[in-house]
């Protein structure tokens, strides 16, 4: 595997990862972005935003945790 010296390794090319990469690069850091595929394949476009929580009568913290883990895969 080739080596690429960097000051910061960003794992993930979603909105958060690219924001971190650009911010660090603007401050002079050598940044390497590692992604599992192509940048457009990130989960950022699927994110709904907002705050999620178990608030319904038919919901529990345990069910919410399972949903969160499944969505993050």
PDB file of N, CA and C in Angstrom:
ATOM      1  N   UNK A   1       0.838  -1.168   0.000  1.00  0.00           N
ATOM      2  CA  UNK A   1       0.000   0.000   0.000  1.00  0.00           C
ATOM      3  C   UNK A   1       0.891   1.243   0.000  1.00  0.00           C
ATOM      4  N   UNK A   2       0.593   2.205  -0.857  1.00  0.00           N
ATOM      5  CA  UNK A   2       1.407   3.423  -0.900  1.00  0.00           C
ATOM      6  C   UNK A   2       1.227   4.256   0.368  1.00  0.00           C
ATOM      7  N   UNK A   3       2.260   4.984   0.701  1.00  0.00           N
ATOM      8  CA  UNK A   3       2.201   5.863   1.862  1.00  0.00           C
ATOM      9  C   UNK A   3       1.896   7.283   1.417  1.00  0.00           C
ATOM     10  N   UNK A   4       1.126   7.977   2.227  1.00  0.00           N
ATOM     11  CA  UNK A   4       0.795   9.371   1.954  1.00  0.00           C
ATOM     12  C   UNK A   4       0.920  10.143   3.261  1.00  0.00           C
ATOM     13  N   UNK A   5       2.056  10.800   3.472  1.00  0.00           N
ATOM     14  CA  UNK A   5       2.214  11.560   4.717  1.00  0.00           C
ATOM     15  C   UNK A   5       1.144  12.646   4.840  1.00  0.00           C
ATOM     16  N   UNK A   6       0.582  12.770   6.036  1.00  0.00           N
ATOM     17  CA  UNK A   6      -0.432  13.795   6.249  1.00  0.00           C
ATOM     18  C   UNK A   6      -0.409  14.219   7.708  1.00  0.00           C
ATOM     19  N   UNK A   7      -0.974  15.381   7.967  1.00  0.00           N
ATOM     20  CA  UNK A   7      -1.136  15.866   9.328  1.00  0.00           C
ATOM     21  C   UNK A   7      -2.451  15.384   9.925  1.00  0.00           C
ATOM     22  N   UNK A   8      -3.440  15.177   9.061  1.00  0.00           N
ATOM     23  CA  UNK A   8      -4.773  14.785   9.513  1.00  0.00           C
ATOM     24  C   UNK A   8      -5.353  13.760   8.556  1.00  0.00           C
ATOM     25  N   UNK A   9      -5.825  12.656   9.113  1.00  0.00           N
ATOM     26  CA  UNK A   9      -6.542  11.647   8.338  1.00  0.00           C
ATOM     27  C   UNK A   9      -8.009  11.766   8.703  1.00  0.00           C
ATOM     28  N   UNK A  10      -8.842  12.053   7.714  1.00  0.00           N
ATOM     29  CA  UNK A  10     -10.280  12.154   7.923  1.00  0.00           C
ATOM     30  C   UNK A  10     -10.904  10.888   7.358  1.00  0.00           C
ATOM     31  N   UNK A  11     -11.605  10.155   8.210  1.00  0.00           N
ATOM     32  CA  UNK A  11     -12.274   8.929   7.775  1.00  0.00           C
ATOM     33  C   UNK A  11     -13.728   9.267   7.496  1.00  0.00           C
ATOM     34  N   UNK A  12     -14.088   9.248   6.225  1.00  0.00           N
ATOM     35  CA  UNK A  12     -15.447   9.570   5.813  1.00  0.00           C
ATOM     36  C   UNK A  12     -15.491  10.814   4.950  1.00  0.00           C
ATOM     37  N   UNK A  13     -16.217  10.711   3.833  1.00  0.00           N
ATOM     38  CA  UNK A  13     -16.304  11.831   2.895  1.00  0.00           C
ATOM     39  C   UNK A  13     -17.696  12.430   2.869  1.00  0.00           C
ATOM     40  N   UNK A  14     -18.384  12.349   3.993  1.00  0.00           N
ATOM     41  CA  UNK A  14     -19.685  13.000   4.106  1.00  0.00           C
ATOM     42  C   UNK A  14     -19.498  14.471   4.423  1.00  0.00           C
ATOM     43  N   UNK A  15     -20.583  15.125   4.720  1.00  0.00           N
ATOM     44  CA  UNK A  15     -20.534  16.567   4.976  1.00  0.00           C
ATOM     45  C   UNK A  15     -19.614  16.900   6.149  1.00  0.00           C
ATOM     46  N   UNK A  16     -19.695  16.145   7.222  1.00  0.00           N
ATOM     47  CA  UNK A  16     -18.863  16.435   8.396  1.00  0.00           C
ATOM     48  C   UNK A  16     -17.385  16.205   8.097  1.00  0.00           C
ATOM     49  N   UNK A  17     -17.072  15.083   7.433  1.00  0.00           N
ATOM     50  CA  UNK A  17     -15.679  14.783   7.117  1.00  0.00           C
ATOM     51  C   UNK A  17     -15.072  15.799   6.174  1.00  0.00           C
ATOM     52  N   UNK A  18     -15.816  16.177   5.149  1.00  0.00           N
ATOM     53  CA  UNK A  18     -15.286  17.147   4.192  1.00  0.00           C
ATOM     54  C   UNK A  18     -15.158  18.537   4.810  1.00  0.00           C
ATOM     55  N   UNK A  19     -16.074  18.882   5.707  1.00  0.00           N
ATOM     56  CA  UNK A  19     -15.957  20.159   6.403  1.00  0.00           C
ATOM     57  C   UNK A  19     -14.698  20.185   7.257  1.00  0.00           C
ATOM     58  N   UNK A  20     -14.451  19.099   7.974  1.00  0.00           N
ATOM     59  CA  UNK A  20     -13.236  19.012   8.790  1.00  0.00           C
ATOM     60  C   UNK A  20     -11.993  19.069   7.918  1.00  0.00           C
ATOM     61  N   UNK A  21     -12.018  18.359   6.792  1.00  0.00           N
ATOM     62  CA  UNK A  21     -10.862  18.344   5.894  1.00  0.00           C
ATOM     63  C   UNK A  21     -10.575  19.737   5.330  1.00  0.00           C
ATOM     64  N   UNK A  22     -11.611  20.405   4.868  1.00  0.00           N
ATOM     65  CA  UNK A  22     -11.419  21.739   4.294  1.00  0.00           C
ATOM     66  C   UNK A  22     -10.952  22.742   5.341  1.00  0.00           C
ATOM     67  N   UNK A  23     -11.519  22.660   6.527  1.00  0.00           N
ATOM     68  CA  UNK A  23     -11.125  23.576   7.602  1.00  0.00           C
ATOM     69  C   UNK A  23      -9.654  23.390   7.961  1.00  0.00           C
ATOM     70  N   UNK A  24      -9.235  22.131   8.091  1.00  0.00           N
ATOM     71  CA  UNK A  24      -7.835  21.852   8.421  1.00  0.00           C
ATOM     72  C   UNK A  24      -6.907  22.288   7.291  1.00  0.00           C
ATOM     73  N   UNK A  25      -7.302  22.031   6.054  1.00  0.00           N
ATOM     74  CA  UNK A  25      -6.475  22.414   4.907  1.00  0.00           C
ATOM     75  C   UNK A  25      -6.316  23.931   4.816  1.00  0.00           C
ATOM     76  N   UNK A  26      -7.391  24.658   5.123  1.00  0.00           N
ATOM     77  CA  UNK A  26      -7.316  26.123   5.108  1.00  0.00           C
ATOM     78  C   UNK A  26      -6.319  26.646   6.143  1.00  0.00           C
ATOM     79  N   UNK A  27      -6.066  25.852   7.161  1.00  0.00           N
ATOM     80  CA  UNK A  27      -5.131  26.239   8.213  1.00  0.00           C
ATOM     81  C   UNK A  27      -3.742  25.658   7.995  1.00  0.00           C
ATOM     82  N   UNK A  28      -3.531  25.106   6.800  1.00  0.00           N
ATOM     83  CA  UNK A  28      -2.206  24.640   6.417  1.00  0.00           C
ATOM     84  C   UNK A  28      -1.902  23.173   6.647  1.00  0.00           C
ATOM     85  N   UNK A  29      -2.860  22.401   7.101  1.00  0.00           N
ATOM     86  CA  UNK A  29      -2.622  20.978   7.346  1.00  0.00           C
ATOM     87  C   UNK A  29      -2.625  20.199   6.034  1.00  0.00           C
ATOM     88  N   UNK A  30      -1.799  19.173   5.988  1.00  0.00           N
ATOM     89  CA  UNK A  30      -1.847  18.221   4.874  1.00  0.00           C
ATOM     90  C   UNK A  30      -2.901  17.187   5.253  1.00  0.00           C
ATOM     91  N   UNK A  31      -3.972  17.130   4.470  1.00  0.00           N
ATOM     92  CA  UNK A  31      -5.135  16.318   4.829  1.00  0.00           C
ATOM     93  C   UNK A  31      -5.305  15.176   3.833  1.00  0.00           C
ATOM     94  N   UNK A  32      -5.637  14.013   4.376  1.00  0.00           N
ATOM     95  CA  UNK A  32      -5.970  12.848   3.557  1.00  0.00           C
ATOM     96  C   UNK A  32      -7.376  12.408   3.946  1.00  0.00           C
ATOM     97  N   UNK A  33      -8.261  12.272   2.960  1.00  0.00           N
ATOM     98  CA  UNK A  33      -9.635  11.834   3.213  1.00  0.00           C
ATOM     99  C   UNK A  33      -9.755  10.385   2.751  1.00  0.00           C
ATOM    100  N   UNK A  34     -10.219   9.538   3.654  1.00  0.00           N
ATOM    101  CA  UNK A  34     -10.393   8.117   3.377  1.00  0.00           C
ATOM    102  C   UNK A  34     -11.881   7.821   3.340  1.00  0.00           C
ATOM    103  N   UNK A  35     -12.333   7.197   2.256  1.00  0.00           N
ATOM    104  CA  UNK A  35     -13.753   6.882   2.121  1.00  0.00           C
ATOM    105  C   UNK A  35     -13.911   5.444   1.663  1.00  0.00           C
ATOM    106  N   UNK A  36     -15.071   4.862   1.948  1.00  0.00           N
ATOM    107  CA  UNK A  36     -15.323   3.474   1.593  1.00  0.00           C
ATOM    108  C   UNK A  36     -15.631   3.294   0.110  1.00  0.00           C
ATOM    109  N   UNK A  37     -15.876   4.373  -0.579  1.00  0.00           N
ATOM    110  CA  UNK A  37     -16.214   4.299  -2.001  1.00  0.00           C
ATOM    111  C   UNK A  37     -15.998   5.651  -2.639  1.00  0.00           C
ATOM    112  N   UNK A  38     -17.004   6.128  -3.327  1.00  0.00           N
ATOM    113  CA  UNK A  38     -16.957   7.447  -3.936  1.00  0.00           C
ATOM    114  C   UNK A  38     -17.589   8.452  -2.980  1.00  0.00           C
ATOM    115  N   UNK A  39     -17.108   9.666  -3.009  1.00  0.00           N
ATOM    116  CA  UNK A  39     -17.624  10.701  -2.101  1.00  0.00           C
ATOM    117  C   UNK A  39     -19.147  10.851  -2.182  1.00  0.00           C
ATOM    118  N   UNK A  40     -19.766  10.801  -3.368  1.00  0.00           N
ATOM    119  CA  UNK A  40     -21.231  10.936  -3.414  1.00  0.00           C
ATOM    120  C   UNK A  40     -21.976   9.773  -2.754  1.00  0.00           C
ATOM    121  N   UNK A  41     -21.263   8.687  -2.429  1.00  0.00           N
ATOM    122  CA  UNK A  41     -21.902   7.535  -1.801  1.00  0.00           C
ATOM    123  C   UNK A  41     -22.027   7.682  -0.288  1.00  0.00           C
ATOM    124  N   UNK A  42     -21.645   8.820   0.265  1.00  0.00           N
ATOM    125  CA  UNK A  42     -21.712   8.998   1.716  1.00  0.00           C
ATOM    126  C   UNK A  42     -23.168   9.012   2.167  1.00  0.00           C
ATOM    127  N   UNK A  43     -23.363   8.918   3.451  1.00  0.00           N
ATOM    128  CA  UNK A  43     -24.719   8.903   4.006  1.00  0.00           C
ATOM    129  C   UNK A  43     -25.301  10.299   4.207  1.00  0.00           C
ATOM    130  N   UNK A  44     -24.521  11.335   3.929  1.00  0.00           N
ATOM    131  CA  UNK A  44     -24.991  12.697   4.188  1.00  0.00           C
ATOM    132  C   UNK A  44     -26.282  13.027   3.461  1.00  0.00           C
ATOM    133  N   UNK A  45     -26.435  12.533   2.239  1.00  0.00           N
ATOM    134  CA  UNK A  45     -27.654  12.864   1.502  1.00  0.00           C
ATOM    135  C   UNK A  45     -28.884  12.161   2.076  1.00  0.00           C
ATOM    136  N   UNK A  46     -28.664  11.127   2.906  1.00  0.00           N
ATOM    137  CA  UNK A  46     -29.781  10.415   3.514  1.00  0.00           C
ATOM    138  C   UNK A  46     -30.128  10.964   4.902  1.00  0.00           C
ATOM    139  N   UNK A  47     -29.269  11.805   5.442  1.00  0.00           N
ATOM    140  CA  UNK A  47     -29.485  12.329   6.788  1.00  0.00           C
ATOM    141  C   UNK A  47     -30.711  13.223   6.812  1.00  0.00           C
ATOM    142  N   UNK A  48     -31.507  13.079   7.844  1.00  0.00           N
ATOM    143  CA  UNK A  48     -32.722  13.860   7.961  1.00  0.00           C
ATOM    144  C   UNK A  48     -32.509  15.134   8.754  1.00  0.00           C
ATOM    145  N   UNK A  49     -31.481  15.153   9.539  1.00  0.00           N
ATOM    146  CA  UNK A  49     -31.232  16.325  10.373  1.00  0.00           C
ATOM    147  C   UNK A  49     -32.171  16.357  11.558  1.00  0.00           C
ATOM    148  N   UNK A  50     -32.014  17.343  12.356  1.00  0.00           N
ATOM    149  CA  UNK A  50     -32.875  17.471  13.521  1.00  0.00           C
ATOM    150  C   UNK A  50     -32.412  16.596  14.671  1.00  0.00           C
ATOM    151  N   UNK A  51     -33.271  16.448  15.635  1.00  0.00           N
ATOM    152  CA  UNK A  51     -32.978  15.664  16.824  1.00  0.00           C
ATOM    153  C   UNK A  51     -33.936  14.490  16.870  1.00  0.00           C
ATOM    154  N   UNK A  52     -33.398  13.304  17.086  1.00  0.00           N
ATOM    155  CA  UNK A  52     -34.220  12.104  17.165  1.00  0.00           C
ATOM    156  C   UNK A  52     -34.186  11.567  18.585  1.00  0.00           C
ATOM    157  N   UNK A  53     -35.279  11.041  19.017  1.00  0.00           N
ATOM    158  CA  UNK A  53     -35.340  10.471  20.358  1.00  0.00           C
ATOM    159  C   UNK A  53     -36.565   9.593  20.504  1.00  0.00           C
ATOM    160  N   UNK A  54     -36.569   8.785  21.532  1.00  0.00           N
ATOM    161  CA  UNK A  54     -37.697   7.907  21.830  1.00  0.00           C
ATOM    162  C   UNK A  54     -38.736   8.717  22.611  1.00  0.00           C
ATOM    163  N   UNK A  55     -39.732   9.246  21.924  1.00  0.00           N
ATOM    164  CA  UNK A  55     -40.718  10.101  22.586  1.00  0.00           C
ATOM    165  C   UNK A  55     -42.147   9.562  22.474  1.00  0.00           C
ATOM    166  N   UNK A  56     -42.379   8.627  21.565  1.00  0.00           N
ATOM    167  CA  UNK A  56     -43.722   8.090  21.386  1.00  0.00           C
ATOM    168  C   UNK A  56     -44.065   7.040  22.431  1.00  0.00           C
ATOM    169  N   UNK A  57     -45.368   6.813  22.618  1.00  0.00           N
ATOM    170  CA  UNK A  57     -45.811   5.804  23.582  1.00  0.00           C
ATOM    171  C   UNK A  57     -45.364   4.402  23.190  1.00  0.00           C
ATOM    172  N   UNK A  58     -45.201   4.170  21.889  1.00  0.00           N
ATOM    173  CA  UNK A  58     -44.800   2.837  21.425  1.00  0.00           C
ATOM    174  C   UNK A  58     -43.297   2.744  21.167  1.00  0.00           C
ATOM    175  N   UNK A  59     -42.513   3.672  21.665  1.00  0.00           N
ATOM    176  CA  UNK A  59     -41.074   3.695  21.450  1.00  0.00           C
ATOM    177  C   UNK A  59     -40.345   3.594  22.790  1.00  0.00           C
ATOM    178  N   UNK A  60     -39.141   3.052  22.726  1.00  0.00           N
ATOM    179  CA  UNK A  60     -38.305   2.955  23.925  1.00  0.00           C
ATOM    180  C   UNK A  60     -36.885   3.362  23.564  1.00  0.00           C
ATOM    181  N   UNK A  61     -36.090   3.628  24.564  1.00  0.00           N
ATOM    182  CA  UNK A  61     -34.687   3.963  24.316  1.00  0.00           C
ATOM    183  C   UNK A  61     -33.973   2.797  23.637  1.00  0.00           C
ATOM    184  N   UNK A  62     -34.309   1.569  24.016  1.00  0.00           N
ATOM    185  CA  UNK A  62     -33.674   0.392  23.410  1.00  0.00           C
ATOM    186  C   UNK A  62     -34.015   0.289  21.926  1.00  0.00           C
ATOM    187  N   UNK A  63     -35.287   0.505  21.559  1.00  0.00           N
ATOM    188  CA  UNK A  63     -35.679   0.461  20.143  1.00  0.00           C
ATOM    189  C   UNK A  63     -35.014   1.589  19.369  1.00  0.00           C
ATOM    190  N   UNK A  64     -34.930   2.743  19.978  1.00  0.00           N
ATOM    191  CA  UNK A  64     -34.276   3.886  19.341  1.00  0.00           C
ATOM    192  C   UNK A  64     -32.799   3.582  19.088  1.00  0.00           C
ATOM    193  N   UNK A  65     -32.138   2.952  20.042  1.00  0.00           N
ATOM    194  CA  UNK A  65     -30.726   2.594  19.878  1.00  0.00           C
ATOM    195  C   UNK A  65     -30.539   1.611  18.723  1.00  0.00           C
ATOM    196  N   UNK A  66     -31.420   0.623  18.614  1.00  0.00           N
ATOM    197  CA  UNK A  66     -31.340  -0.347  17.514  1.00  0.00           C
ATOM    198  C   UNK A  66     -31.523   0.370  16.177  1.00  0.00           C
ATOM    199  N   UNK A  67     -32.515   1.256  16.083  1.00  0.00           N
ATOM    200  CA  UNK A  67     -32.738   2.013  14.840  1.00  0.00           C
ATOM    201  C   UNK A  67     -31.511   2.844  14.473  1.00  0.00           C
ATOM    202  N   UNK A  68     -30.910   3.492  15.456  1.00  0.00           N
ATOM    203  CA  UNK A  68     -29.741   4.326  15.219  1.00  0.00           C
ATOM    204  C   UNK A  68     -28.575   3.490  14.712  1.00  0.00           C
ATOM    205  N   UNK A  69     -28.338   2.342  15.309  1.00  0.00           N
ATOM    206  CA  UNK A  69     -27.246   1.469  14.885  1.00  0.00           C
ATOM    207  C   UNK A  69     -27.477   0.949  13.466  1.00  0.00           C
ATOM    208  N   UNK A  70     -28.698   0.564  13.157  1.00  0.00           N
ATOM    209  CA  UNK A  70     -29.001   0.069  11.807  1.00  0.00           C
ATOM    210  C   UNK A  70     -28.825   1.158  10.750  1.00  0.00           C
ATOM    211  N   UNK A  71     -29.261   2.366  11.082  1.00  0.00           N
ATOM    212  CA  UNK A  71     -29.148   3.476  10.123  1.00  0.00           C
ATOM    213  C   UNK A  71     -27.695   3.862   9.898  1.00  0.00           C
ATOM    214  N   UNK A  72     -26.843   3.641  10.884  1.00  0.00           N
ATOM    215  CA  UNK A  72     -25.441   4.022  10.757  1.00  0.00           C
ATOM    216  C   UNK A  72     -24.579   3.035  10.010  1.00  0.00           C
ATOM    217  N   UNK A  73     -25.115   1.918   9.654  1.00  0.00           N
ATOM    218  CA  UNK A  73     -24.331   0.906   8.948  1.00  0.00           C
ATOM    219  C   UNK A  73     -24.197   1.212   7.498  1.00  0.00           C
TER     220      UNK A  73
END
